[in-house]
Every structure is written in C-alpha cells, then in structure tokens.
Amino acid sequence: MTPAELKEHRELLGMTQQQLADELGFKRSHIARLENGLSPIMKQTKLAVLYLSTRTQTPLAQSHQPV
C-alpha cells in the first residue's frame, strides 16, 4: 500500500486522520507521517485499513486483490 492509497482509503471511509488513528490505535501524527511517506506502512496497518474498507464496502476494497 502506498501513502497515496492509504489516504485514498481513509477519505473513502469518510474518516479524518484522527478518526483513522483512533480506530487503529495510533496517534494522528503517525497517520500523517504514513500518508506523507515519512514512515513505512507496515503489513499489519495495510491489513487493518483494508479490513475497515471491506466493512464499509468501499470501491477500493472491492477492487483490491487478496493479501
């Protein structure tokens, strides 16, 4: 998952950085660093975001290949 894809997923979920951070157990600043490419997106984070996306059936989740 790229930083741009993470941001796109978050926006399609209708979440702010703070809301996504709360859902994932992170600080908002960590989400900002991930979206700006300043911190690597770990596999666990990718899977959690994809899980959130599938719960809401976003278009990205439907088009994403299985991990």
Protein backbone atom coordinates (compact mmCIF):
# COMPACT_ATOMS: atom_id res chain seq x y z
CA MET A 1 0.00 0.00 0.00
CA THR A 2 1.39 3.37 -0.98
CA PRO A 3 0.94 6.56 1.05
CA ALA A 4 -1.49 7.83 -1.60
CA GLU A 5 -3.54 4.62 -1.41
CA LEU A 6 -3.71 4.90 2.37
CA LYS A 7 -5.01 8.44 2.10
CA GLU A 8 -7.49 7.41 -0.59
CA HIS A 9 -8.82 4.58 1.58
CA ARG A 10 -9.17 6.93 4.55
CA GLU A 11 -11.04 9.50 2.50
CA LEU A 12 -13.35 6.86 1.00
CA LEU A 13 -14.08 5.70 4.54
CA GLY A 14 -15.13 9.29 5.29
CA MET A 15 -12.61 9.47 8.12
CA THR A 16 -10.29 12.20 9.29
CA GLN A 17 -6.71 11.33 10.15
CA GLN A 18 -7.72 11.48 13.81
CA GLN A 19 -10.64 9.09 13.32
CA LEU A 20 -8.47 6.57 11.48
CA ALA A 21 -5.78 6.90 14.13
CA ASP A 22 -8.34 6.25 16.87
CA GLU A 23 -9.66 3.19 15.02
CA LEU A 24 -6.16 1.76 14.55
CA GLY A 25 -4.77 2.74 17.94
CA PHE A 26 -2.29 5.28 16.55
CA LYS A 27 -1.68 8.97 17.06
CA ARG A 28 -2.90 11.35 14.36
CA SER A 29 0.68 12.40 13.67
CA HIS A 30 1.56 8.79 12.80
CA ILE A 31 -1.22 8.67 10.19
CA ALA A 32 0.08 11.95 8.75
CA ARG A 33 3.62 10.51 8.55
CA LEU A 34 2.30 7.40 6.81
CA GLU A 35 0.31 9.43 4.28
CA ASN A 36 3.30 11.65 3.58
CA GLY A 37 5.66 8.72 3.07
CA LEU A 38 7.75 9.62 6.11
CA SER A 39 7.10 6.29 7.88
CA PRO A 40 6.75 2.88 6.25
CA ILE A 41 3.29 1.35 6.07
CA MET A 42 3.59 -1.97 7.86
CA LYS A 43 1.70 -5.03 6.65
CA GLN A 44 -0.48 -5.02 9.78
CA THR A 45 -1.54 -1.43 9.09
CA LYS A 46 -2.34 -2.24 5.47
CA LEU A 47 -4.43 -5.23 6.51
CA ALA A 48 -6.29 -3.21 9.15
CA VAL A 49 -7.13 -0.45 6.66
CA LEU A 50 -8.27 -2.99 4.07
CA TYR A 51 -10.43 -4.66 6.72
CA LEU A 52 -12.04 -1.33 7.58
CA SER A 53 -12.64 -0.76 3.88
CA THR A 54 -14.30 -4.14 3.42
CA ARG A 55 -16.59 -3.49 6.40
CA THR A 56 -17.94 -0.45 4.56
CA GLN A 57 -17.62 -1.94 1.05
CA THR A 58 -15.62 0.93 -0.46
CA PRO A 59 -14.79 0.71 -4.18
CA LEU A 60 -11.09 0.36 -3.37
CA ALA A 61 -11.71 -2.62 -1.13
CA GLN A 62 -13.75 -4.35 -3.82
CA SER A 63 -11.01 -3.88 -6.41
CA HIS A 64 -8.08 -4.77 -4.11
CA GLN A 65 -6.55 -8.17 -4.62
CA PRO A 66 -6.33 -10.55 -1.66
CA VAL A 67 -3.26 -10.24 0.53
